[in-house]
Amino acid sequence: MTVQFADIDWRGRTVRIEYEWVGPDANVDAAAPLIFLHEGLGSRAMWRDFPARLCAAAGLRGLVYSRPGYGRSTPRAPDESWDVDFMHRQAHEVLPALLATLNIRRPPWLFGHSDGSSIALLYAACRPAAGVIALAPHIMVEDICIASIGQTKTVYETTDLPQRLARYHDDPDSAFWGWCHIWLHPPFRHWSIEDEIRAIACPLLAIQGLDDEYGTLEQIRGIARHVPRTQLLELPACGHSAHKDQPEAVIQAAASFIRMHSGSTPG
């Protein structure tokens, strides 16, 4: 389908959001859409064909978009620093504004990866959602994550990673440094959403690879302790990006989860 752009009003300025509809060509109002929320260095394009494949398996229409600062959406200003609450702002301000602009009224399904999973959890904690699929989510900051981001920072500064990211982002520095600086910012070390996610009432599927280099299984097991309607999937031979390492397993589990709970009352 065609890549499109929507303008939203965010914190007193107009922000352009890149988005694309994928999956079955159905009336947007006929069923709850599946919203894809990318990771800290991701974008609409970096999902590749995964959203379309999952939507085909689940029988849902999907909305894939790039957050501000990523892809072809409005980049981060050179002097703009993200705050510790940057994921809260995405969940509480940006995503609701985009859904309102696109006239999406039904509580959506949410599929997030990494930072995108955390945003999905925060959204579902304060707004109605049909269900959440959280892939490699963060509910608190762990040493393994900080160490891996530090290593990625070195790679960005010493290799052709900026050029490779430029294939997916109009401004790769906007995407990389916005994410890197806040995660390595000392006050962010105390970030946690463990208390907030207790408010999630919708069904939740939390997935993580056993070889995830950005987090331990305590991330998804912590979700299960706090959110009663949580189902866990721990994947062997799988790193941080399970939708790339184990796509068939993720699609099968996610599609089955959606079918199982399609008659549920949104939380």
Protein backbone atom coordinates (compact mmCIF):
# COMPACT_ATOMS: atom_id res chain seq x y z
CA MET A 1 0.00 0.00 0.00
CA THR A 2 1.01 3.64 -0.31
CA VAL A 3 3.04 5.52 2.28
CA GLN A 4 1.10 8.54 3.50
CA PHE A 5 1.65 11.47 5.85
CA ALA A 6 -0.50 12.99 8.57
CA ASP A 7 0.03 16.24 10.45
CA ILE A 8 -0.63 16.27 14.17
CA ASP A 9 -0.45 19.07 16.69
CA TRP A 10 2.07 18.07 19.34
CA ARG A 11 3.21 20.40 22.10
CA GLY A 12 2.35 23.52 20.17
CA ARG A 13 3.90 22.59 16.83
CA THR A 14 2.83 20.71 13.73
CA VAL A 15 4.56 17.35 13.38
CA ARG A 16 4.47 15.22 10.24
CA ILE A 17 3.92 11.48 10.77
CA GLU A 18 4.79 8.91 8.11
CA TYR A 19 2.36 5.99 8.06
CA GLU A 20 1.12 3.08 5.95
CA TRP A 21 -1.88 0.77 6.01
CA VAL A 22 -1.13 -2.92 5.47
CA GLY A 23 -3.10 -6.15 5.47
CA PRO A 24 -6.67 -6.84 4.37
CA ASP A 25 -8.26 -3.90 2.56
CA ALA A 26 -11.22 -3.39 4.85
CA ASN A 27 -13.16 -0.45 6.21
CA VAL A 28 -11.12 1.09 9.03
CA ASP A 29 -14.23 1.41 11.20
CA ALA A 30 -15.29 -2.22 10.68
CA ALA A 31 -12.76 -3.80 13.06
CA ALA A 32 -10.12 -2.71 15.53
CA PRO A 33 -6.84 -2.10 13.66
CA LEU A 34 -3.46 -3.51 14.68
CA ILE A 35 -1.02 -0.67 15.43
CA PHE A 36 2.72 -1.38 15.03
CA LEU A 37 5.10 0.52 17.33
CA HIS A 38 8.76 0.30 16.36
CA GLU A 39 11.91 0.04 18.49
CA GLY A 40 14.39 2.74 19.48
CA LEU A 41 16.19 2.77 16.13
CA GLY A 42 13.25 1.58 14.03
CA SER A 43 10.87 3.13 11.53
CA ARG A 44 7.95 2.19 9.31
CA ALA A 45 10.29 0.82 6.64
CA MET A 46 12.45 -1.20 9.03
CA TRP A 47 9.55 -3.54 9.81
CA ARG A 48 9.83 -4.68 6.16
CA ASP A 49 7.08 -7.21 5.35
CA PHE A 50 6.46 -8.44 8.89
CA PRO A 51 3.35 -6.29 9.60
CA ALA A 52 1.70 -7.36 6.35
CA ARG A 53 2.41 -11.03 7.09
CA LEU A 54 1.02 -10.82 10.62
CA CYS A 55 -2.06 -8.89 9.50
CA ALA A 56 -2.75 -11.48 6.80
CA ALA A 57 -2.50 -14.27 9.39
CA ALA A 58 -4.69 -12.44 11.91
CA GLY A 59 -7.20 -11.09 9.39
CA LEU A 60 -6.72 -7.51 10.57
CA ARG A 61 -5.81 -4.25 8.91
CA GLY A 62 -2.56 -2.82 10.30
CA LEU A 63 -1.25 0.71 10.77
CA VAL A 64 2.54 1.07 10.64
CA TYR A 65 4.06 4.48 11.39
CA SER A 66 7.31 6.23 12.23
CA ARG A 67 7.42 8.16 15.47
CA PRO A 68 8.61 11.79 15.41
CA GLY A 69 12.39 11.75 14.95
CA TYR A 70 12.34 8.57 12.86
CA GLY A 71 11.89 7.45 9.28
CA ARG A 72 10.37 10.18 7.16
CA SER A 73 8.48 11.75 10.06
CA THR A 74 9.52 15.17 11.35
CA PRO A 75 13.08 14.80 12.68
CA ARG A 76 14.24 15.84 16.09
CA ALA A 77 15.60 19.40 16.16
CA PRO A 78 19.41 19.56 16.62
CA ASP A 79 19.02 21.15 20.06
CA GLU A 80 16.08 18.98 21.12
CA SER A 81 16.79 16.50 23.92
CA TRP A 82 14.34 13.84 24.98
CA ASP A 83 13.27 13.71 28.62
CA VAL A 84 13.04 10.67 30.89
CA ASP A 85 9.30 10.57 30.15
CA PHE A 86 9.77 10.36 26.36
CA MET A 87 7.92 7.04 26.07
CA HIS A 88 5.05 8.37 28.19
CA ARG A 89 4.71 11.30 25.78
CA GLN A 90 4.53 8.94 22.82
CA ALA A 91 1.86 6.82 24.53
CA HIS A 92 -0.21 9.62 26.05
CA GLU A 93 0.15 12.33 23.39
CA VAL A 94 1.53 11.28 19.99
CA LEU A 95 -0.32 8.00 19.43
CA PRO A 96 -3.73 9.34 20.57
CA ALA A 97 -3.25 12.40 18.35
CA LEU A 98 -2.41 10.21 15.34
CA LEU A 99 -5.40 7.91 15.93
CA ALA A 100 -7.70 10.93 16.24
CA THR A 101 -6.30 12.47 13.04
CA LEU A 102 -6.86 9.20 11.16
CA ASN A 103 -10.38 8.92 12.62
CA ILE A 104 -9.66 5.59 14.35
CA ARG A 105 -12.33 5.27 17.03
CA ARG A 106 -12.26 1.61 18.03
CA PRO A 107 -9.85 0.49 20.78
CA PRO A 108 -6.86 -0.82 18.80
CA TRP A 109 -4.71 -3.89 19.03
CA LEU A 110 -1.12 -2.88 19.75
CA PHE A 111 2.02 -4.69 18.58
CA GLY A 112 5.21 -3.15 19.95
CA HIS A 113 8.89 -3.99 19.81
CA SER A 114 11.37 -2.86 22.50
CA ASP A 115 10.69 0.85 23.20
CA GLY A 116 7.56 0.43 21.09
CA SER A 117 6.38 -2.31 23.47
CA SER A 118 6.85 -0.02 26.45
CA ILE A 119 4.82 2.66 24.64
CA ALA A 120 2.09 0.10 23.92
CA LEU A 121 1.98 -0.91 27.60
CA LEU A 122 1.74 2.73 28.71
CA TYR A 123 -1.06 3.39 26.22
CA ALA A 124 -3.03 0.35 27.38
CA ALA A 125 -2.57 1.36 31.01
CA CYS A 126 -4.53 4.58 30.51
CA ARG A 127 -6.72 4.05 27.40
CA PRO A 128 -8.95 1.27 26.07
CA ALA A 129 -7.13 -1.34 23.95
CA ALA A 130 -8.32 -4.59 22.40
CA GLY A 131 -5.06 -6.27 23.41
CA VAL A 132 -1.29 -5.82 23.52
CA ILE A 133 1.49 -7.92 22.01
CA ALA A 134 4.73 -6.78 23.62
CA LEU A 135 7.90 -8.01 21.94
CA ALA A 136 11.10 -7.59 24.03
CA PRO A 137 9.52 -4.89 26.21
CA HIS A 138 11.24 -2.72 28.80
CA ILE A 139 9.46 -2.16 32.11
CA MET A 140 12.63 -1.09 33.92
CA VAL A 141 16.27 -0.38 33.03
CA GLU A 142 18.79 -3.21 33.38
CA ASP A 143 22.58 -3.20 33.29
CA ILE A 144 22.61 -5.51 30.24
CA CYS A 145 20.61 -2.95 28.27
CA ILE A 146 22.84 -0.02 29.18
CA ALA A 147 25.94 -2.04 28.28
CA SER A 148 24.52 -3.04 24.89
CA ILE A 149 23.48 0.52 24.07
CA GLY A 150 26.97 1.70 25.00
CA GLN A 151 28.41 -0.84 22.56
CA THR A 152 25.98 0.30 19.86
CA LYS A 153 27.10 3.91 20.44
CA THR A 154 30.68 2.87 19.69
CA VAL A 155 29.56 1.06 16.55
CA TYR A 156 27.66 4.15 15.37
CA GLU A 157 30.71 6.35 15.92
CA THR A 158 33.27 4.02 14.30
CA THR A 159 31.52 2.14 11.46
CA ASP A 160 29.18 2.74 8.55
CA LEU A 161 26.09 2.30 10.74
CA PRO A 162 24.98 5.93 10.08
CA GLN A 163 25.02 5.25 6.34
CA ARG A 164 23.08 2.02 6.78
CA LEU A 165 20.46 3.71 8.95
CA ALA A 166 20.14 6.48 6.34
CA ARG A 167 18.30 3.97 4.15
CA TYR A 168 15.45 4.05 6.67
CA HIS A 169 15.66 7.52 8.25
CA ASP A 170 15.76 10.94 6.57
CA ASP A 171 17.95 12.04 9.51
CA PRO A 172 19.78 9.07 11.07
CA ASP A 173 21.44 11.29 13.67
CA SER A 174 18.00 12.38 14.87
CA ALA A 175 16.96 8.76 15.33
CA PHE A 176 20.18 7.50 16.86
CA TRP A 177 21.17 10.27 19.24
CA GLY A 178 17.65 10.91 20.51
CA TRP A 179 17.48 7.26 21.58
CA CYS A 180 21.08 6.83 22.71
CA HIS A 181 21.41 10.02 24.76
CA ILE A 182 18.29 9.43 26.83
CA TRP A 183 18.99 5.76 27.52
CA LEU A 184 22.54 6.58 28.64
CA HIS A 185 21.42 9.68 30.60
CA PRO A 186 22.11 8.86 34.31
CA PRO A 187 18.64 9.87 35.60
CA PHE A 188 17.07 7.42 33.14
CA ARG A 189 18.71 4.56 35.05
CA HIS A 190 15.83 4.80 37.54
CA TRP A 191 13.06 4.72 34.91
CA SER A 192 10.37 2.12 35.56
CA ILE A 193 6.75 1.56 34.53
CA GLU A 194 6.13 -1.41 36.80
CA ASP A 195 3.52 0.41 38.89
CA GLU A 196 1.73 1.94 35.90
CA ILE A 197 1.18 -1.30 34.00
CA ARG A 198 -0.86 -2.72 36.88
CA ALA A 199 -3.77 -0.74 35.40
CA ILE A 200 -3.78 -2.78 32.15
CA ALA A 201 -7.05 -4.70 31.89
CA CYS A 202 -6.87 -6.01 28.30
CA PRO A 203 -5.29 -9.34 27.23
CA LEU A 204 -1.51 -9.20 26.87
CA LEU A 205 1.02 -11.43 25.12
CA ALA A 206 4.63 -10.78 26.14
CA ILE A 207 7.37 -12.33 23.98
CA GLN A 208 11.12 -12.41 24.53
CA GLY A 209 14.09 -14.28 23.14
CA LEU A 210 16.26 -16.27 25.53
CA ASP A 211 19.34 -14.61 23.99
CA ASP A 212 18.04 -11.03 24.16
CA GLU A 213 21.09 -8.77 24.41
CA TYR A 214 19.04 -5.81 25.69
CA GLY A 215 17.14 -7.38 28.56
CA THR A 216 16.62 -10.40 30.78
CA LEU A 217 13.49 -12.51 31.06
CA GLU A 218 12.65 -10.51 34.17
CA GLN A 219 11.16 -7.92 31.81
CA ILE A 220 8.31 -10.15 30.63
CA ARG A 221 8.06 -12.17 33.84
CA GLY A 222 7.66 -8.87 35.69
CA ILE A 223 4.77 -8.00 33.39
CA ALA A 224 3.11 -11.33 34.17
CA ARG A 225 3.31 -10.60 37.91
CA HIS A 226 1.69 -7.19 37.50
CA VAL A 227 -0.87 -7.81 34.73
CA PRO A 228 -3.25 -10.75 35.41
CA ARG A 229 -4.26 -11.41 31.78
CA THR A 230 -0.69 -11.95 30.56
CA GLN A 231 0.47 -14.85 28.42
CA LEU A 232 4.23 -15.41 28.08
CA LEU A 233 6.27 -16.77 25.19
CA GLU A 234 10.01 -17.34 25.72
CA LEU A 235 11.79 -18.20 22.48
CA PRO A 236 15.07 -20.18 22.29
CA ALA A 237 17.77 -19.27 19.74
CA CYS A 238 16.35 -15.76 19.62
CA GLY A 239 17.77 -12.31 20.37
CA HIS A 240 16.19 -8.91 20.89
CA SER A 241 14.34 -8.87 17.53
CA ALA A 242 12.18 -11.97 17.66
CA HIS A 243 10.16 -10.83 14.63
CA LYS A 244 13.40 -11.18 12.62
CA ASP A 245 14.99 -14.15 14.40
CA GLN A 246 11.82 -16.23 14.80
CA PRO A 247 9.19 -14.60 12.56
CA GLU A 248 7.02 -17.66 12.03
CA ALA A 249 6.82 -18.40 15.75
CA VAL A 250 5.90 -14.78 16.51
CA ILE A 251 3.28 -14.61 13.76
CA GLN A 252 1.69 -17.89 14.83
CA ALA A 253 1.58 -16.89 18.50
CA ALA A 254 0.36 -13.35 17.83
CA ALA A 255 -2.33 -14.40 15.35
CA SER A 256 -3.58 -17.13 17.71
CA PHE A 257 -3.64 -14.64 20.59
CA ILE A 258 -5.67 -12.13 18.55
CA ARG A 259 -8.16 -14.78 17.41
CA MET A 260 -8.53 -16.08 20.97
CA HIS A 261 -9.34 -12.65 22.37
CA SER A 262 -11.19 -11.04 19.48
CA GLY A 263 -14.47 -11.35 21.37
CA SER A 264 -13.03 -9.90 24.59
CA THR A 265 -14.27 -6.64 25.96
CA PRO A 266 -11.46 -4.09 25.51
CA GLY A 267 -9.75 -3.03 28.68
